[in-house]
Amino acid sequence: MHEIFPIASGVVLALMIWRFAAPRLRLPALVVLSFVFGFLASLISGELALSWAFPWIDTALVLLAAGATVAVMSARRRIGTVPRSK
């Protein structure tokens, strides 16, 4: 149940970055914000009180969800179902 927030935030983060960030800033923004949301997920779930290893795990979950979302969006753009961003 504690993995819902990191996965959902990774998907939303990727969609927001895809829509609003310049193409050259997408990867750095994704990495930095994944660390922020990973730490926030550990804080919200209370895992941070148990160990400092949990933010790394939650950050990896955010990055994996965001990467999968970007891959799906790229594939959809290639076949022409999603308009190109600015």
PDB file of N, CA and C in Angstrom:
ATOM      1  N   MET A   1       0.811  -1.187   0.000  1.00  0.00           N
ATOM      2  CA  MET A   1       0.000   0.000   0.000  1.00  0.00           C
ATOM      3  C   MET A   1       0.861   1.262   0.000  1.00  0.00           C
ATOM      4  N   HIS A   2       2.079   1.184   0.553  1.00  0.00           N
ATOM      5  CA  HIS A   2       2.948   2.349   0.630  1.00  0.00           C
ATOM      6  C   HIS A   2       3.578   2.706  -0.716  1.00  0.00           C
ATOM      7  N   GLU A   3       3.455   1.812  -1.706  1.00  0.00           N
ATOM      8  CA  GLU A   3       4.070   2.076  -2.997  1.00  0.00           C
ATOM      9  C   GLU A   3       3.146   2.820  -3.951  1.00  0.00           C
ATOM     10  N   ILE A   4       1.929   3.087  -3.558  1.00  0.00           N
ATOM     11  CA  ILE A   4       0.987   3.777  -4.441  1.00  0.00           C
ATOM     12  C   ILE A   4       1.442   5.212  -4.698  1.00  0.00           C
ATOM     13  N   PHE A   5       1.854   5.929  -3.664  1.00  0.00           N
ATOM     14  CA  PHE A   5       2.261   7.319  -3.845  1.00  0.00           C
ATOM     15  C   PHE A   5       3.487   7.458  -4.742  1.00  0.00           C
ATOM     16  N   PRO A   6       4.557   6.681  -4.554  1.00  0.00           N
ATOM     17  CA  PRO A   6       5.711   6.840  -5.449  1.00  0.00           C
ATOM     18  C   PRO A   6       5.388   6.511  -6.910  1.00  0.00           C
ATOM     19  N   ILE A   7       4.591   5.490  -7.131  1.00  0.00           N
ATOM     20  CA  ILE A   7       4.256   5.113  -8.502  1.00  0.00           C
ATOM     21  C   ILE A   7       3.351   6.157  -9.140  1.00  0.00           C
ATOM     22  N   ALA A   8       2.337   6.589  -8.412  1.00  0.00           N
ATOM     23  CA  ALA A   8       1.430   7.607  -8.952  1.00  0.00           C
ATOM     24  C   ALA A   8       2.159   8.929  -9.174  1.00  0.00           C
ATOM     25  N   SER A   9       3.044   9.292  -8.257  1.00  0.00           N
ATOM     26  CA  SER A   9       3.776  10.543  -8.446  1.00  0.00           C
ATOM     27  C   SER A   9       4.751  10.441  -9.615  1.00  0.00           C
ATOM     28  N   GLY A  10       5.300   9.274  -9.870  1.00  0.00           N
ATOM     29  CA  GLY A  10       6.170   9.090 -11.029  1.00  0.00           C
ATOM     30  C   GLY A  10       5.421   9.267 -12.335  1.00  0.00           C
ATOM     31  N   VAL A  11       4.214   8.725 -12.399  1.00  0.00           N
ATOM     32  CA  VAL A  11       3.394   8.876 -13.607  1.00  0.00           C
ATOM     33  C   VAL A  11       3.002  10.336 -13.811  1.00  0.00           C
ATOM     34  N   VAL A  12       2.506  10.974 -12.761  1.00  0.00           N
ATOM     35  CA  VAL A  12       2.091  12.377 -12.869  1.00  0.00           C
ATOM     36  C   VAL A  12       3.295  13.268 -13.178  1.00  0.00           C
ATOM     37  N   LEU A  13       4.408  12.992 -12.548  1.00  0.00           N
ATOM     38  CA  LEU A  13       5.620  13.770 -12.781  1.00  0.00           C
ATOM     39  C   LEU A  13       6.056  13.676 -14.244  1.00  0.00           C
ATOM     40  N   ALA A  14       6.059  12.481 -14.788  1.00  0.00           N
ATOM     41  CA  ALA A  14       6.457  12.309 -16.189  1.00  0.00           C
ATOM     42  C   ALA A  14       5.493  13.021 -17.129  1.00  0.00           C
ATOM     43  N   LEU A  15       4.203  12.930 -16.857  1.00  0.00           N
ATOM     44  CA  LEU A  15       3.232  13.615 -17.710  1.00  0.00           C
ATOM     45  C   LEU A  15       3.386  15.130 -17.636  1.00  0.00           C
ATOM     46  N   MET A  16       3.646  15.662 -16.458  1.00  0.00           N
ATOM     47  CA  MET A  16       3.812  17.109 -16.310  1.00  0.00           C
ATOM     48  C   MET A  16       5.106  17.582 -16.976  1.00  0.00           C
ATOM     49  N   ILE A  17       6.174  16.839 -16.796  1.00  0.00           N
ATOM     50  CA  ILE A  17       7.440  17.219 -17.418  1.00  0.00           C
ATOM     51  C   ILE A  17       7.329  17.114 -18.933  1.00  0.00           C
ATOM     52  N   TRP A  18       6.665  16.069 -19.425  1.00  0.00           N
ATOM     53  CA  TRP A  18       6.481  15.888 -20.865  1.00  0.00           C
ATOM     54  C   TRP A  18       5.735  17.079 -21.456  1.00  0.00           C
ATOM     55  N   ARG A  19       4.797  17.602 -20.723  1.00  0.00           N
ATOM     56  CA  ARG A  19       3.950  18.684 -21.232  1.00  0.00           C
ATOM     57  C   ARG A  19       4.594  20.057 -21.092  1.00  0.00           C
ATOM     58  N   PHE A  20       5.277  20.326 -19.979  1.00  0.00           N
ATOM     59  CA  PHE A  20       5.688  21.691 -19.684  1.00  0.00           C
ATOM     60  C   PHE A  20       7.188  21.967 -19.784  1.00  0.00           C
ATOM     61  N   ALA A  21       8.035  20.980 -19.681  1.00  0.00           N
ATOM     62  CA  ALA A  21       9.478  21.222 -19.687  1.00  0.00           C
ATOM     63  C   ALA A  21      10.027  21.239 -21.109  1.00  0.00           C
ATOM     64  N   ALA A  22      11.056  22.038 -21.288  1.00  0.00           N
ATOM     65  CA  ALA A  22      11.766  22.054 -22.564  1.00  0.00           C
ATOM     66  C   ALA A  22      12.459  20.702 -22.741  1.00  0.00           C
ATOM     67  N   PRO A  23      12.585  20.230 -23.977  1.00  0.00           N
ATOM     68  CA  PRO A  23      13.177  18.897 -24.196  1.00  0.00           C
ATOM     69  C   PRO A  23      14.552  18.694 -23.559  1.00  0.00           C
ATOM     70  N   ARG A  24      15.399  19.712 -23.548  1.00  0.00           N
ATOM     71  CA  ARG A  24      16.733  19.533 -22.974  1.00  0.00           C
ATOM     72  C   ARG A  24      16.719  19.540 -21.453  1.00  0.00           C
ATOM     73  N   LEU A  25      15.640  20.003 -20.838  1.00  0.00           N
ATOM     74  CA  LEU A  25      15.549  20.041 -19.378  1.00  0.00           C
ATOM     75  C   LEU A  25      14.746  18.880 -18.802  1.00  0.00           C
ATOM     76  N   ARG A  26      14.197  18.047 -19.647  1.00  0.00           N
ATOM     77  CA  ARG A  26      13.328  16.972 -19.154  1.00  0.00           C
ATOM     78  C   ARG A  26      14.055  15.973 -18.266  1.00  0.00           C
ATOM     79  N   LEU A  27      15.195  15.486 -18.704  1.00  0.00           N
ATOM     80  CA  LEU A  27      15.913  14.488 -17.907  1.00  0.00           C
ATOM     81  C   LEU A  27      16.402  15.046 -16.575  1.00  0.00           C
ATOM     82  N   PRO A  28      17.071  16.218 -16.549  1.00  0.00           N
ATOM     83  CA  PRO A  28      17.485  16.750 -15.239  1.00  0.00           C
ATOM     84  C   PRO A  28      16.301  17.039 -14.316  1.00  0.00           C
ATOM     85  N   ALA A  29      15.221  17.568 -14.869  1.00  0.00           N
ATOM     86  CA  ALA A  29      14.041  17.845 -14.041  1.00  0.00           C
ATOM     87  C   ALA A  29      13.451  16.555 -13.505  1.00  0.00           C
ATOM     88  N   LEU A  30      13.421  15.525 -14.325  1.00  0.00           N
ATOM     89  CA  LEU A  30      12.876  14.241 -13.895  1.00  0.00           C
ATOM     90  C   LEU A  30      13.704  13.636 -12.765  1.00  0.00           C
ATOM     91  N   VAL A  31      15.007  13.706 -12.871  1.00  0.00           N
ATOM     92  CA  VAL A  31      15.879  13.127 -11.846  1.00  0.00           C
ATOM     93  C   VAL A  31      15.753  13.894 -10.522  1.00  0.00           C
ATOM     94  N   VAL A  32      15.827  15.217 -10.603  1.00  0.00           N
ATOM     95  CA  VAL A  32      15.765  16.026  -9.376  1.00  0.00           C
ATOM     96  C   VAL A  32      14.411  15.864  -8.691  1.00  0.00           C
ATOM     97  N   LEU A  33      13.343  15.959  -9.454  1.00  0.00           N
ATOM     98  CA  LEU A  33      12.014  15.840  -8.849  1.00  0.00           C
ATOM     99  C   LEU A  33      11.714  14.418  -8.381  1.00  0.00           C
ATOM    100  N   SER A  34      12.351  13.422  -8.979  1.00  0.00           N
ATOM    101  CA  SER A  34      12.187  12.052  -8.486  1.00  0.00           C
ATOM    102  C   SER A  34      12.784  11.897  -7.098  1.00  0.00           C
ATOM    103  N   PHE A  35      13.925  12.537  -6.861  1.00  0.00           N
ATOM    104  CA  PHE A  35      14.503  12.501  -5.517  1.00  0.00           C
ATOM    105  C   PHE A  35      13.589  13.207  -4.515  1.00  0.00           C
ATOM    106  N   VAL A  36      13.025  14.321  -4.928  1.00  0.00           N
ATOM    107  CA  VAL A  36      12.124  15.061  -4.038  1.00  0.00           C
ATOM    108  C   VAL A  36      10.901  14.218  -3.692  1.00  0.00           C
ATOM    109  N   PHE A  37      10.265  13.657  -4.716  1.00  0.00           N
ATOM    110  CA  PHE A  37       9.058  12.864  -4.468  1.00  0.00           C
ATOM    111  C   PHE A  37       9.361  11.536  -3.785  1.00  0.00           C
ATOM    112  N   GLY A  38      10.528  10.964  -4.020  1.00  0.00           N
ATOM    113  CA  GLY A  38      10.927   9.747  -3.311  1.00  0.00           C
ATOM    114  C   GLY A  38      11.101   9.998  -1.825  1.00  0.00           C
ATOM    115  N   PHE A  39      11.757  11.102  -1.490  1.00  0.00           N
ATOM    116  CA  PHE A  39      11.913  11.470  -0.086  1.00  0.00           C
ATOM    117  C   PHE A  39      10.563  11.778   0.551  1.00  0.00           C
ATOM    118  N   LEU A  40       9.723  12.495  -0.190  1.00  0.00           N
ATOM    119  CA  LEU A  40       8.389  12.830   0.315  1.00  0.00           C
ATOM    120  C   LEU A  40       7.542  11.577   0.540  1.00  0.00           C
ATOM    121  N   ALA A  41       7.652  10.606  -0.354  1.00  0.00           N
ATOM    122  CA  ALA A  41       6.914   9.354  -0.194  1.00  0.00           C
ATOM    123  C   ALA A  41       7.355   8.608   1.065  1.00  0.00           C
ATOM    124  N   SER A  42       8.652   8.591   1.322  1.00  0.00           N
ATOM    125  CA  SER A  42       9.155   7.942   2.541  1.00  0.00           C
ATOM    126  C   SER A  42       8.702   8.669   3.796  1.00  0.00           C
ATOM    127  N   LEU A  43       8.646   9.971   3.696  1.00  0.00           N
ATOM    128  CA  LEU A  43       8.201  10.771   4.830  1.00  0.00           C
ATOM    129  C   LEU A  43       6.716  10.544   5.112  1.00  0.00           C
ATOM    130  N   ILE A  44       5.905  10.540   4.066  1.00  0.00           N
ATOM    131  CA  ILE A  44       4.458  10.368   4.222  1.00  0.00           C
ATOM    132  C   ILE A  44       4.121   8.985   4.775  1.00  0.00           C
ATOM    133  N   SER A  45       4.801   7.963   4.270  1.00  0.00           N
ATOM    134  CA  SER A  45       4.471   6.600   4.687  1.00  0.00           C
ATOM    135  C   SER A  45       5.049   6.235   6.057  1.00  0.00           C
ATOM    136  N   GLY A  46       5.944   7.051   6.574  1.00  0.00           N
ATOM    137  CA  GLY A  46       6.548   6.759   7.873  1.00  0.00           C
ATOM    138  C   GLY A  46       7.747   5.845   7.787  1.00  0.00           C
ATOM    139  N   GLU A  47       8.154   5.487   6.576  1.00  0.00           N
ATOM    140  CA  GLU A  47       9.301   4.604   6.396  1.00  0.00           C
ATOM    141  C   GLU A  47      10.611   5.304   6.729  1.00  0.00           C
ATOM    142  N   LEU A  48      10.608   6.609   6.669  1.00  0.00           N
ATOM    143  CA  LEU A  48      11.820   7.376   6.943  1.00  0.00           C
ATOM    144  C   LEU A  48      12.269   7.193   8.386  1.00  0.00           C
ATOM    145  N   ALA A  49      11.328   6.970   9.280  1.00  0.00           N
ATOM    146  CA  ALA A  49      11.670   6.757  10.691  1.00  0.00           C
ATOM    147  C   ALA A  49      12.343   5.400  10.911  1.00  0.00           C
ATOM    148  N   LEU A  50      12.117   4.462   9.993  1.00  0.00           N
ATOM    149  CA  LEU A  50      12.700   3.135  10.140  1.00  0.00           C
ATOM    150  C   LEU A  50      14.131   3.060   9.630  1.00  0.00           C
ATOM    151  N   SER A  51      14.350   3.643   8.448  1.00  0.00           N
ATOM    152  CA  SER A  51      15.676   3.565   7.853  1.00  0.00           C
ATOM    153  C   SER A  51      15.830   4.640   6.787  1.00  0.00           C
ATOM    154  N   TRP A  52      17.069   5.089   6.597  1.00  0.00           N
ATOM    155  CA  TRP A  52      17.368   6.059   5.552  1.00  0.00           C
ATOM    156  C   TRP A  52      17.521   5.387   4.194  1.00  0.00           C
ATOM    157  N   ALA A  53      17.357   4.068   4.130  1.00  0.00           N
ATOM    158  CA  ALA A  53      17.416   3.356   2.852  1.00  0.00           C
ATOM    159  C   ALA A  53      16.109   3.489   2.078  1.00  0.00           C
ATOM    160  N   PHE A  54      15.025   3.740   2.775  1.00  0.00           N
ATOM    161  CA  PHE A  54      13.728   3.809   2.112  1.00  0.00           C
ATOM    162  C   PHE A  54      13.590   4.947   1.105  1.00  0.00           C
ATOM    163  N   PRO A  55      14.167   6.129   1.338  1.00  0.00           N
ATOM    164  CA  PRO A  55      14.074   7.156   0.290  1.00  0.00           C
ATOM    165  C   PRO A  55      14.715   6.722  -1.028  1.00  0.00           C
ATOM    166  N   TRP A  56      15.773   5.935  -0.962  1.00  0.00           N
ATOM    167  CA  TRP A  56      16.396   5.443  -2.190  1.00  0.00           C
ATOM    168  C   TRP A  56      15.460   4.479  -2.923  1.00  0.00           C
ATOM    169  N   ILE A  57      14.781   3.642  -2.169  1.00  0.00           N
ATOM    170  CA  ILE A  57      13.847   2.687  -2.776  1.00  0.00           C
ATOM    171  C   ILE A  57      12.667   3.432  -3.388  1.00  0.00           C
ATOM    172  N   ASP A  58      12.126   4.385  -2.663  1.00  0.00           N
ATOM    173  CA  ASP A  58      10.995   5.148  -3.183  1.00  0.00           C
ATOM    174  C   ASP A  58      11.399   6.021  -4.370  1.00  0.00           C
ATOM    175  N   THR A  59      12.614   6.552  -4.357  1.00  0.00           N
ATOM    176  CA  THR A  59      13.101   7.310  -5.500  1.00  0.00           C
ATOM    177  C   THR A  59      13.227   6.411  -6.728  1.00  0.00           C
ATOM    178  N   ALA A  60      13.699   5.195  -6.524  1.00  0.00           N
ATOM    179  CA  ALA A  60      13.786   4.252  -7.639  1.00  0.00           C
ATOM    180  C   ALA A  60      12.395   3.928  -8.188  1.00  0.00           C
ATOM    181  N   LEU A  61      11.410   3.795  -7.314  1.00  0.00           N
ATOM    182  CA  LEU A  61      10.043   3.551  -7.775  1.00  0.00           C
ATOM    183  C   LEU A  61       9.504   4.728  -8.585  1.00  0.00           C
ATOM    184  N   VAL A  62       9.780   5.934  -8.128  1.00  0.00           N
ATOM    185  CA  VAL A  62       9.337   7.121  -8.868  1.00  0.00           C
ATOM    186  C   VAL A  62      10.009   7.153 -10.236  1.00  0.00           C
ATOM    187  N   LEU A  63      11.313   6.901 -10.279  1.00  0.00           N
ATOM    188  CA  LEU A  63      12.041   6.914 -11.546  1.00  0.00           C
ATOM    189  C   LEU A  63      11.557   5.813 -12.496  1.00  0.00           C
ATOM    190  N   LEU A  64      11.297   4.637 -11.966  1.00  0.00           N
ATOM    191  CA  LEU A  64      10.804   3.550 -12.812  1.00  0.00           C
ATOM    192  C   LEU A  64       9.421   3.854 -13.387  1.00  0.00           C
ATOM    193  N   ALA A  65       8.540   4.384 -12.560  1.00  0.00           N
ATOM    194  CA  ALA A  65       7.203   4.737 -13.039  1.00  0.00           C
ATOM    195  C   ALA A  65       7.274   5.867 -14.060  1.00  0.00           C
ATOM    196  N   ALA A  66       8.130   6.838 -13.813  1.00  0.00           N
ATOM    197  CA  ALA A  66       8.284   7.947 -14.754  1.00  0.00           C
ATOM    198  C   ALA A  66       8.914   7.456 -16.053  1.00  0.00           C
ATOM    199  N   GLY A  67       9.897   6.599 -15.958  1.00  0.00           N
ATOM    200  CA  GLY A  67      10.527   6.045 -17.164  1.00  0.00           C
ATOM    201  C   GLY A  67       9.560   5.231 -18.003  1.00  0.00           C
ATOM    202  N   ALA A  68       8.744   4.438 -17.348  1.00  0.00           N
ATOM    203  CA  ALA A  68       7.744   3.655 -18.085  1.00  0.00           C
ATOM    204  C   ALA A  68       6.722   4.572 -18.744  1.00  0.00           C
ATOM    205  N   THR A  69       6.332   5.629 -18.063  1.00  0.00           N
ATOM    206  CA  THR A  69       5.374   6.578 -18.627  1.00  0.00           C
ATOM    207  C   THR A  69       5.971   7.299 -19.829  1.00  0.00           C
ATOM    208  N   VAL A  70       7.220   7.712 -19.726  1.00  0.00           N
ATOM    209  CA  VAL A  70       7.888   8.368 -20.850  1.00  0.00           C
ATOM    210  C   VAL A  70       8.018   7.406 -22.031  1.00  0.00           C
ATOM    211  N   ALA A  71       8.319   6.149 -21.759  1.00  0.00           N
ATOM    212  CA  ALA A  71       8.433   5.165 -22.833  1.00  0.00           C
ATOM    213  C   ALA A  71       7.094   4.976 -23.557  1.00  0.00           C
ATOM    214  N   VAL A  72       6.021   4.906 -22.800  1.00  0.00           N
ATOM    215  CA  VAL A  72       4.690   4.765 -23.411  1.00  0.00           C
ATOM    216  C   VAL A  72       4.338   6.002 -24.221  1.00  0.00           C
ATOM    217  N   MET A  73       4.622   7.183 -23.664  1.00  0.00           N
ATOM    218  CA  MET A  73       4.323   8.418 -24.391  1.00  0.00           C
ATOM    219  C   MET A  73       5.160   8.521 -25.668  1.00  0.00           C
ATOM    220  N   SER A  74       6.412   8.110 -25.626  1.00  0.00           N
ATOM    221  CA  SER A  74       7.256   8.148 -26.816  1.00  0.00           C
ATOM    222  C   SER A  74       6.751   7.179 -27.881  1.00  0.00           C
ATOM    223  N   ALA A  75       6.340   5.999 -27.446  1.00  0.00           N
ATOM    224  CA  ALA A  75       5.809   5.027 -28.399  1.00  0.00           C
ATOM    225  C   ALA A  75       4.512   5.525 -29.022  1.00  0.00           C
ATOM    226  N   ARG A  76       3.659   6.126 -28.229  1.00  0.00           N
ATOM    227  CA  ARG A  76       2.403   6.660 -28.764  1.00  0.00           C
ATOM    228  C   ARG A  76       2.662   7.818 -29.716  1.00  0.00           C
ATOM    229  N   ARG A  77       3.678   8.633 -29.430  1.00  0.00           N
ATOM    230  CA  ARG A  77       3.998   9.752 -30.312  1.00  0.00           C
ATOM    231  C   ARG A  77       4.527   9.238 -31.650  1.00  0.00           C
ATOM    232  N   ARG A  78       5.317   8.172 -31.610  1.00  0.00           N
ATOM    233  CA  ARG A  78       5.869   7.610 -32.839  1.00  0.00           C
ATOM    234  C   ARG A  78       4.790   7.072 -33.764  1.00  0.00           C
ATOM    235  N   ILE A  79       3.733   6.511 -33.184  1.00  0.00           N
ATOM    236  CA  ILE A  79       2.674   5.978 -34.041  1.00  0.00           C
ATOM    237  C   ILE A  79       1.601   7.014 -34.337  1.00  0.00           C
ATOM    238  N   GLY A  80       1.779   8.220 -33.788  1.00  0.00           N
ATOM    239  CA  GLY A  80       0.932   9.325 -34.179  1.00  0.00           C
ATOM    240  C   GLY A  80      -0.339   9.539 -33.399  1.00  0.00           C
ATOM    241  N   THR A  81      -0.458   8.962 -32.205  1.00  0.00           N
ATOM    242  CA  THR A  81      -1.683   9.147 -31.440  1.00  0.00           C
ATOM    243  C   THR A  81      -1.601  10.281 -30.436  1.00  0.00           C
ATOM    244  N   VAL A  82      -0.412  10.818 -30.226  1.00  0.00           N
ATOM    245  CA  VAL A  82      -0.244  11.923 -29.279  1.00  0.00           C
ATOM    246  C   VAL A  82       0.457  13.058 -30.005  1.00  0.00           C
ATOM    247  N   PRO A  83      -0.062  14.273 -29.927  1.00  0.00           N
ATOM    248  CA  PRO A  83       0.629  15.382 -30.591  1.00  0.00           C
ATOM    249  C   PRO A  83       1.946  15.706 -29.914  1.00  0.00           C
ATOM    250  N   ARG A  84       2.875  16.195 -30.686  1.00  0.00           N
ATOM    251  CA  ARG A  84       4.190  16.562 -30.158  1.00  0.00           C
ATOM    252  C   ARG A  84       4.084  17.758 -29.234  1.00  0.00           C
ATOM    253  N   SER A  85       4.907  17.749 -28.182  1.00  0.00           N
ATOM    254  CA  SER A  85       4.921  18.896 -27.273  1.00  0.00           C
ATOM    255  C   SER A  85       5.771  20.000 -27.872  1.00  0.00           C
ATOM    256  N   LYS A  86       5.706  21.165 -27.276  1.00  0.00           N
ATOM    257  CA  LYS A  86       6.430  22.343 -27.786  1.00  0.00           C
ATOM    258  C   LYS A  86       7.917  22.180 -27.716  1.00  0.00           C
TER     259      LYS A  86
END
